[in-house]
Amino acid sequence: MLKNLTTTHVGGPATQLVSASSEAELAQAVAAADSAGHDVLLIGGGSNLVISDEGYGGVAVQIATRGLHTDEQPNGKVLLRAAAGESWDATVEFSLLQGLSGLEALSGIPGSAGATPVQNVGAYGADVSQSLAWVRLYDRQTSQVIKLDNAELEFAYRDSVIKRTSNNGSPRYVVLEVAFLLERTSQSAPIRYAELARRLDVEVGQSADALLVRQTVLELRRSKGMVYDPKDADSHSTGSFFTNPIVDASILTSLPENAPNYPVAQEGLVKLSAAWLIDQAGFAKGYGLEGTDGFEIAGGRASLSTKHTLAITNRGDASATDIVAIARAVRAGVNQRFGISLVNEPLLIGLKL
């Protein structure tokens, strides 16, 4: 069952499941499925997938490749290369143990290293586009291994050319290896997130000890159920289920003055806080559990996290249908209250909101 390969623990069987422990096996598994005309679903850490209870009618390829390497660069920086199947948090920890700085604010994010460039994974004011040098990929259209550098990946907020050329979780480009250009220093990259800066007792834009930044980020994420723990049902999720909406700035006139909003690169647009919108629309932490208005939706089997309104959690025996039902209720409520349609961050395989 595919639920055993995901952090939300939902999903039925695949027609075929293949585990690839080397780049050659990964490329061959995808090529063989393509040649046979089968649909392909790639599974790394399973932290960004909600798979239908009916399962997947194609070939699911589990990416189990491993390998972490560092290469000194002429400019004094260090290139950290990670196989696609490496645990992302283990990759961050490895970088810091090597005395490298740049990834520390991305500590604790579940999933694999190869998944991070797909949707430009980020947290606490950092994202992978800030330090990623290049990605090696298997191009399913040409059956060639290619390399795309940072600019060629066309990064945007939770987006990249890899994501934009995917179809229902099946990408044109299969990530084989990722490489990050990092500094050899004990000091972190500049802290860009106010909450993290306060916890570190520094100003936004200043640096701190990189190992301390990692420890602080992990503490913050655990307090919100955002570090996967088999014993913590609040972490049995895809993390943030909805992205922070980027909308026309004119919408601010219809929102309360205290509505959090942040500037974005494109003039005339602002980014809003999905968590704030959800809370203000009447969906509190734990919505869906017994004793809440949403209990009837999934019978308490699925709910918003009791620690963070952005995560939809499996309380033990939820189905994919239960998870999506909670998401659907939240999205409808926010739309009714604010006229804003939230967009799901995880891939919904065989499911629709």
Protein backbone atom coordinates (compact mmCIF):
# COMPACT_ATOMS: atom_id res chain seq x y z
CA MET A 1 0.00 0.00 0.00
CA LEU A 2 1.31 3.42 -0.97
CA LYS A 3 0.14 4.89 2.33
CA ASN A 4 3.20 3.27 3.91
CA LEU A 5 5.43 5.51 1.78
CA THR A 6 3.80 8.84 2.68
CA THR A 7 3.85 11.04 5.78
CA THR A 8 0.05 11.40 5.79
CA HIS A 9 -0.37 7.59 5.71
CA VAL A 10 -3.14 7.45 3.11
CA GLY A 11 -3.25 5.82 -0.32
CA GLY A 12 -4.12 2.46 -1.83
CA PRO A 13 -1.93 0.10 -3.88
CA ALA A 14 -0.11 0.81 -7.13
CA THR A 15 -0.47 -1.45 -10.14
CA GLN A 16 3.31 -1.83 -9.89
CA LEU A 17 5.80 -0.55 -7.31
CA VAL A 18 9.51 -0.32 -8.16
CA SER A 19 12.29 0.77 -5.79
CA ALA A 20 15.34 2.37 -7.45
CA SER A 21 18.54 2.53 -5.38
CA SER A 22 20.81 3.91 -8.11
CA GLU A 23 20.52 6.57 -10.79
CA ALA A 24 20.69 3.90 -13.48
CA GLU A 25 17.85 1.93 -11.86
CA LEU A 26 15.78 5.11 -11.53
CA ALA A 27 16.20 6.14 -15.16
CA GLN A 28 15.63 2.57 -16.34
CA ALA A 29 12.45 2.15 -14.29
CA VAL A 30 10.97 5.35 -15.67
CA ALA A 31 12.07 4.56 -19.23
CA ALA A 32 10.58 1.06 -19.06
CA ALA A 33 7.26 2.39 -17.80
CA ASP A 34 7.22 5.05 -20.52
CA SER A 35 8.03 2.46 -23.18
CA ALA A 36 5.14 0.30 -21.99
CA GLY A 37 2.77 3.26 -21.94
CA HIS A 38 2.24 3.21 -18.19
CA ASP A 39 1.63 6.27 -16.03
CA VAL A 40 4.49 7.04 -13.62
CA LEU A 41 4.36 8.36 -10.07
CA LEU A 42 7.62 9.25 -8.34
CA ILE A 43 7.81 8.87 -4.56
CA GLY A 44 10.71 10.25 -2.54
CA GLY A 45 9.99 11.02 1.10
CA GLY A 46 6.25 10.98 0.44
CA SER A 47 5.75 14.25 2.30
CA ASN A 48 4.05 16.09 -0.55
CA LEU A 49 1.59 13.43 -1.72
CA VAL A 50 -2.02 12.65 -0.92
CA ILE A 51 -2.86 9.48 -2.85
CA SER A 52 -6.35 8.16 -3.54
CA ASP A 53 -7.70 5.29 -1.45
CA GLU A 54 -8.15 3.40 -4.73
CA GLY A 55 -4.40 3.63 -5.27
CA TYR A 56 -2.48 4.41 -8.42
CA GLY A 57 -3.17 2.75 -11.76
CA GLY A 58 0.37 2.88 -13.03
CA VAL A 59 4.00 2.40 -11.98
CA ALA A 60 5.01 3.98 -8.68
CA VAL A 61 8.78 4.44 -8.51
CA GLN A 62 10.27 4.83 -5.05
CA ILE A 63 13.44 6.92 -5.24
CA ALA A 64 15.90 5.27 -2.84
CA THR A 65 19.19 6.65 -4.16
CA ARG A 66 21.80 7.78 -1.63
CA GLY A 67 24.98 9.85 -1.64
CA LEU A 68 26.32 13.12 -0.22
CA HIS A 69 29.53 14.72 -1.51
CA THR A 70 31.34 18.04 -1.22
CA ASP A 71 33.53 19.68 -3.87
CA GLU A 72 35.72 22.69 -3.09
CA GLN A 73 35.24 25.54 -5.57
CA PRO A 74 37.81 28.06 -6.87
CA ASN A 75 35.83 30.98 -5.39
CA GLY A 76 36.21 29.63 -1.87
CA LYS A 77 32.71 28.21 -1.74
CA VAL A 78 31.79 24.54 -1.53
CA LEU A 79 29.47 22.57 -3.77
CA LEU A 80 27.30 20.12 -1.83
CA ARG A 81 25.89 17.36 -4.05
CA ALA A 82 23.03 15.17 -2.86
CA ALA A 83 21.41 12.17 -4.51
CA ALA A 84 17.71 12.67 -5.14
CA GLY A 85 16.67 10.03 -2.63
CA GLU A 86 18.63 11.44 0.31
CA SER A 87 16.59 12.68 3.25
CA TRP A 88 16.43 16.46 3.01
CA ASP A 89 16.94 17.07 6.73
CA ALA A 90 19.88 14.65 6.77
CA THR A 91 21.33 16.67 3.88
CA VAL A 92 20.99 19.90 5.85
CA GLU A 93 22.55 18.29 8.93
CA PHE A 94 25.43 16.92 6.83
CA SER A 95 26.12 20.38 5.40
CA LEU A 96 26.41 21.90 8.87
CA LEU A 97 28.61 19.11 10.17
CA GLN A 98 30.91 19.87 7.22
CA GLY A 99 31.11 23.49 8.40
CA LEU A 100 28.93 24.79 5.57
CA SER A 101 26.31 27.51 5.83
CA GLY A 102 23.26 28.32 3.74
CA LEU A 103 20.69 25.57 4.33
CA GLU A 104 20.20 25.85 8.09
CA ALA A 105 16.84 27.69 7.96
CA LEU A 106 15.46 24.78 5.90
CA SER A 107 16.05 22.28 8.70
CA GLY A 108 13.32 19.82 9.62
CA ILE A 109 11.43 19.90 6.34
CA PRO A 110 10.36 16.31 5.61
CA GLY A 111 10.92 14.67 2.25
CA SER A 112 13.83 14.00 -0.07
CA ALA A 113 16.58 16.25 -1.40
CA GLY A 114 15.48 15.64 -4.98
CA ALA A 115 12.01 17.01 -4.27
CA THR A 116 13.22 20.38 -2.98
CA PRO A 117 13.78 22.14 -6.33
CA VAL A 118 10.49 20.88 -7.78
CA GLN A 119 8.40 23.39 -5.87
CA ASN A 120 11.22 25.57 -4.59
CA VAL A 121 10.82 24.33 -1.02
CA GLY A 122 11.15 27.04 1.59
CA ALA A 123 10.53 28.06 5.19
CA TYR A 124 11.48 30.81 7.63
CA GLY A 125 12.45 33.29 4.93
CA ALA A 126 14.66 30.87 2.98
CA ASP A 127 14.10 28.67 -0.04
CA VAL A 128 16.29 26.36 -2.09
CA SER A 129 16.54 28.79 -5.01
CA GLN A 130 18.80 30.99 -2.87
CA SER A 131 21.61 28.43 -2.81
CA LEU A 132 20.87 25.78 -5.45
CA ALA A 133 23.54 25.67 -8.17
CA TRP A 134 22.19 23.02 -10.54
CA VAL A 135 20.10 19.89 -10.89
CA ARG A 136 20.88 16.79 -12.93
CA LEU A 137 17.78 15.26 -14.46
CA TYR A 138 16.56 12.49 -16.70
CA ASP A 139 14.48 14.08 -19.46
CA ARG A 140 11.68 11.65 -20.34
CA GLN A 141 10.98 13.37 -23.66
CA THR A 142 14.52 12.96 -25.01
CA SER A 143 15.66 9.98 -22.86
CA GLN A 144 18.79 12.01 -22.01
CA VAL A 145 20.44 13.01 -18.75
CA ILE A 146 20.76 16.80 -18.66
CA LYS A 147 21.79 19.51 -16.21
CA LEU A 148 19.78 22.67 -15.54
CA ASP A 149 21.31 25.53 -13.61
CA ASN A 150 19.51 27.84 -11.22
CA ALA A 151 18.29 30.31 -13.86
CA GLU A 152 17.09 27.54 -16.19
CA LEU A 153 14.87 26.15 -13.44
CA GLU A 154 12.80 29.36 -13.55
CA PHE A 155 12.10 29.40 -9.82
CA ALA A 156 9.07 31.20 -8.40
CA TYR A 157 7.14 30.94 -5.13
CA ARG A 158 6.67 27.17 -4.56
CA ASP A 159 7.19 26.65 -8.28
CA SER A 160 9.77 25.71 -10.90
CA VAL A 161 9.96 24.53 -14.49
CA ILE A 162 10.04 20.96 -13.14
CA LYS A 163 6.69 21.45 -11.44
CA ARG A 164 5.17 23.31 -14.38
CA THR A 165 6.07 20.48 -16.77
CA SER A 166 4.54 17.79 -14.53
CA ASN A 167 1.16 16.17 -15.04
CA ASN A 168 -0.67 14.81 -11.98
CA GLY A 169 2.58 14.07 -10.16
CA SER A 170 4.30 12.64 -13.23
CA PRO A 171 7.13 15.00 -14.27
CA ARG A 172 8.88 15.38 -17.59
CA TYR A 173 12.12 15.82 -15.65
CA VAL A 174 13.17 13.18 -13.12
CA VAL A 175 15.61 14.61 -10.57
CA LEU A 176 18.75 12.51 -10.17
CA GLU A 177 21.03 14.82 -8.17
CA VAL A 178 20.92 18.32 -6.69
CA ALA A 179 23.85 20.62 -5.94
CA PHE A 180 24.03 23.62 -3.61
CA LEU A 181 26.71 26.32 -3.49
CA LEU A 182 27.44 26.99 0.17
CA GLU A 183 29.77 29.10 2.31
CA ARG A 184 32.40 27.53 4.56
CA THR A 185 31.62 29.42 7.74
CA SER A 186 30.05 28.82 11.14
CA GLN A 187 27.75 31.81 10.63
CA SER A 188 24.33 31.41 9.07
CA ALA A 189 22.98 33.06 5.99
CA PRO A 190 21.20 36.34 6.87
CA ILE A 191 18.04 35.70 8.89
CA ARG A 192 15.07 36.85 6.84
CA TYR A 193 12.15 35.79 9.03
CA ALA A 194 11.02 37.96 11.95
CA GLU A 195 9.89 35.14 14.26
CA LEU A 196 13.18 33.31 13.82
CA ALA A 197 15.18 36.51 14.32
CA ARG A 198 13.35 37.18 17.59
CA ARG A 199 14.06 33.69 18.87
CA LEU A 200 17.74 34.13 18.00
CA ASP A 201 17.84 37.65 19.47
CA VAL A 202 19.18 39.20 16.26
CA GLU A 203 17.85 41.75 13.82
CA VAL A 204 16.33 40.65 10.52
CA GLY A 205 19.19 40.62 8.01
CA GLN A 206 21.80 39.67 10.59
CA SER A 207 23.47 36.28 10.93
CA ALA A 208 23.77 33.90 13.86
CA ASP A 209 25.59 30.67 14.63
CA ALA A 210 24.43 28.28 11.91
CA LEU A 211 24.08 25.28 14.24
CA LEU A 212 22.02 27.41 16.63
CA VAL A 213 19.80 28.47 13.74
CA ARG A 214 19.18 24.81 12.90
CA GLN A 215 18.37 23.98 16.53
CA THR A 216 16.00 26.95 16.79
CA VAL A 217 14.24 26.14 13.52
CA LEU A 218 13.75 22.53 14.63
CA GLU A 219 12.27 23.74 17.93
CA LEU A 220 9.90 26.09 16.11
CA ARG A 221 8.83 23.42 13.63
CA ARG A 222 8.27 20.82 16.37
CA SER A 223 6.11 23.29 18.30
CA LYS A 224 3.90 23.47 15.19
CA GLY A 225 3.92 19.73 14.44
CA MET A 226 6.04 20.37 11.35
CA VAL A 227 8.81 17.85 12.06
CA TYR A 228 7.69 14.32 11.25
CA ASP A 229 7.42 12.12 14.33
CA PRO A 230 5.75 8.66 14.18
CA LYS A 231 4.38 9.26 17.68
CA ASP A 232 2.91 12.71 16.96
CA ALA A 233 -0.34 12.63 14.96
CA ASP A 234 -0.02 16.38 14.39
CA SER A 235 2.98 15.64 12.15
CA HIS A 236 1.18 13.00 10.08
CA SER A 237 0.47 15.43 7.28
CA THR A 238 1.98 17.03 4.20
CA GLY A 239 3.02 20.04 6.26
CA SER A 240 1.34 23.17 4.93
CA PHE A 241 -1.65 21.96 2.91
CA PHE A 242 -2.26 25.35 1.29
CA THR A 243 0.17 27.86 -0.17
CA ASN A 244 0.10 31.48 0.90
CA PRO A 245 -2.05 33.16 -1.76
CA ILE A 246 -0.47 35.81 -3.98
CA VAL A 247 -3.21 38.21 -5.00
CA ASP A 248 -3.84 41.68 -6.38
CA ALA A 249 -2.95 44.30 -3.76
CA SER A 250 -6.37 45.89 -4.14
CA ILE A 251 -7.83 43.07 -2.02
CA LEU A 252 -6.25 44.65 1.06
CA THR A 253 -9.04 47.26 1.06
CA SER A 254 -11.55 44.49 1.80
CA LEU A 255 -9.47 42.77 4.51
CA PRO A 256 -9.08 43.80 8.14
CA GLU A 257 -6.21 46.23 8.73
CA ASN A 258 -4.34 43.62 10.76
CA ALA A 259 -4.37 41.04 7.94
CA PRO A 260 -0.73 39.92 7.45
CA ASN A 261 0.57 40.75 3.99
CA TYR A 262 4.01 40.69 2.42
CA PRO A 263 5.52 42.27 -0.70
CA VAL A 264 6.40 40.11 -3.69
CA ALA A 265 8.63 40.70 -6.68
CA GLN A 266 5.78 41.51 -9.07
CA GLU A 267 4.42 45.02 -8.65
CA GLY A 268 0.78 45.26 -7.69
CA LEU A 269 0.66 41.88 -5.95
CA VAL A 270 0.91 40.90 -2.29
CA LYS A 271 1.27 37.60 -0.46
CA LEU A 272 -1.24 36.83 2.27
CA SER A 273 -1.00 34.37 5.17
CA ALA A 274 -3.06 31.26 4.46
CA ALA A 275 -2.91 30.31 8.14
CA TRP A 276 -4.40 33.68 9.15
CA LEU A 277 -7.15 33.43 6.54
CA ILE A 278 -8.06 29.93 7.71
CA ASP A 279 -8.18 30.95 11.36
CA GLN A 280 -10.18 34.12 10.67
CA ALA A 281 -12.65 32.14 8.56
CA GLY A 282 -13.52 30.16 11.69
CA PHE A 283 -11.29 27.11 11.36
CA ALA A 284 -9.33 26.79 14.59
CA LYS A 285 -6.54 24.39 15.43
CA GLY A 286 -7.97 20.89 15.82
CA TYR A 287 -10.95 21.59 13.55
CA GLY A 288 -12.49 18.21 12.72
CA LEU A 289 -11.80 16.59 16.06
CA GLU A 290 -14.58 15.52 18.43
CA GLY A 291 -16.16 18.57 20.01
CA THR A 292 -15.55 20.87 17.03
CA ASP A 293 -17.98 22.04 14.36
CA GLY A 294 -16.13 19.97 11.78
CA PHE A 295 -16.32 16.61 13.55
CA GLU A 296 -19.10 15.37 11.27
CA ILE A 297 -16.92 15.81 8.16
CA ALA A 298 -14.53 12.93 8.88
CA GLY A 299 -15.64 11.64 12.26
CA GLY A 300 -12.44 12.84 13.92
CA ARG A 301 -10.29 10.61 11.73
CA ALA A 302 -8.77 13.69 10.05
CA SER A 303 -8.49 17.24 11.34
CA LEU A 304 -6.48 20.41 11.23
CA SER A 305 -3.40 20.03 13.39
CA THR A 306 -3.86 21.00 17.03
CA LYS A 307 -0.65 23.03 16.66
CA HIS A 308 -1.02 24.73 13.25
CA THR A 309 -4.05 25.53 11.09
CA LEU A 310 -2.18 24.97 7.81
CA ALA A 311 -1.66 21.23 8.33
CA ILE A 312 -4.38 18.62 7.72
CA THR A 313 -3.55 15.56 9.78
CA ASN A 314 -4.34 11.87 9.92
CA ARG A 315 -5.37 11.13 13.50
CA GLY A 316 -4.73 7.40 13.06
CA ASP A 317 -7.11 5.77 10.62
CA ALA A 318 -8.09 8.51 8.16
CA SER A 319 -8.66 7.82 4.49
CA ALA A 320 -7.55 10.07 1.65
CA THR A 321 -11.23 10.98 1.27
CA ASP A 322 -11.25 12.19 4.89
CA ILE A 323 -8.15 14.35 4.35
CA VAL A 324 -9.59 15.95 1.22
CA ALA A 325 -12.99 16.48 2.89
CA ILE A 326 -11.37 18.61 5.61
CA ALA A 327 -9.37 20.50 2.97
CA ARG A 328 -12.49 21.09 0.91
CA ALA A 329 -14.39 22.50 3.90
CA VAL A 330 -11.53 24.84 4.80
CA ARG A 331 -11.09 26.09 1.27
CA ALA A 332 -14.82 26.71 0.87
CA GLY A 333 -14.96 28.57 4.18
CA VAL A 334 -12.08 30.88 3.30
CA ASN A 335 -13.59 31.54 -0.11
CA GLN A 336 -16.95 32.38 1.42
CA ARG A 337 -15.43 34.67 4.06
CA PHE A 338 -12.80 36.46 1.98
CA GLY A 339 -13.42 35.61 -1.68
CA ILE A 340 -9.98 33.99 -1.89
CA SER A 341 -9.47 30.48 -3.31
CA LEU A 342 -6.70 28.64 -1.51
CA VAL A 343 -4.46 26.39 -3.60
CA ASN A 344 -3.23 23.03 -2.33
CA GLU A 345 0.53 22.63 -1.92
CA PRO A 346 0.74 18.80 -1.96
CA LEU A 347 0.04 16.78 -5.09
CA LEU A 348 -3.39 15.15 -5.06
CA ILE A 349 -3.10 11.83 -6.86
CA GLY A 350 -6.44 10.57 -8.13
CA LEU A 351 -8.18 13.20 -6.00
CA LYS A 352 -9.69 16.65 -6.47
CA LEU A 353 -10.63 19.41 -4.06
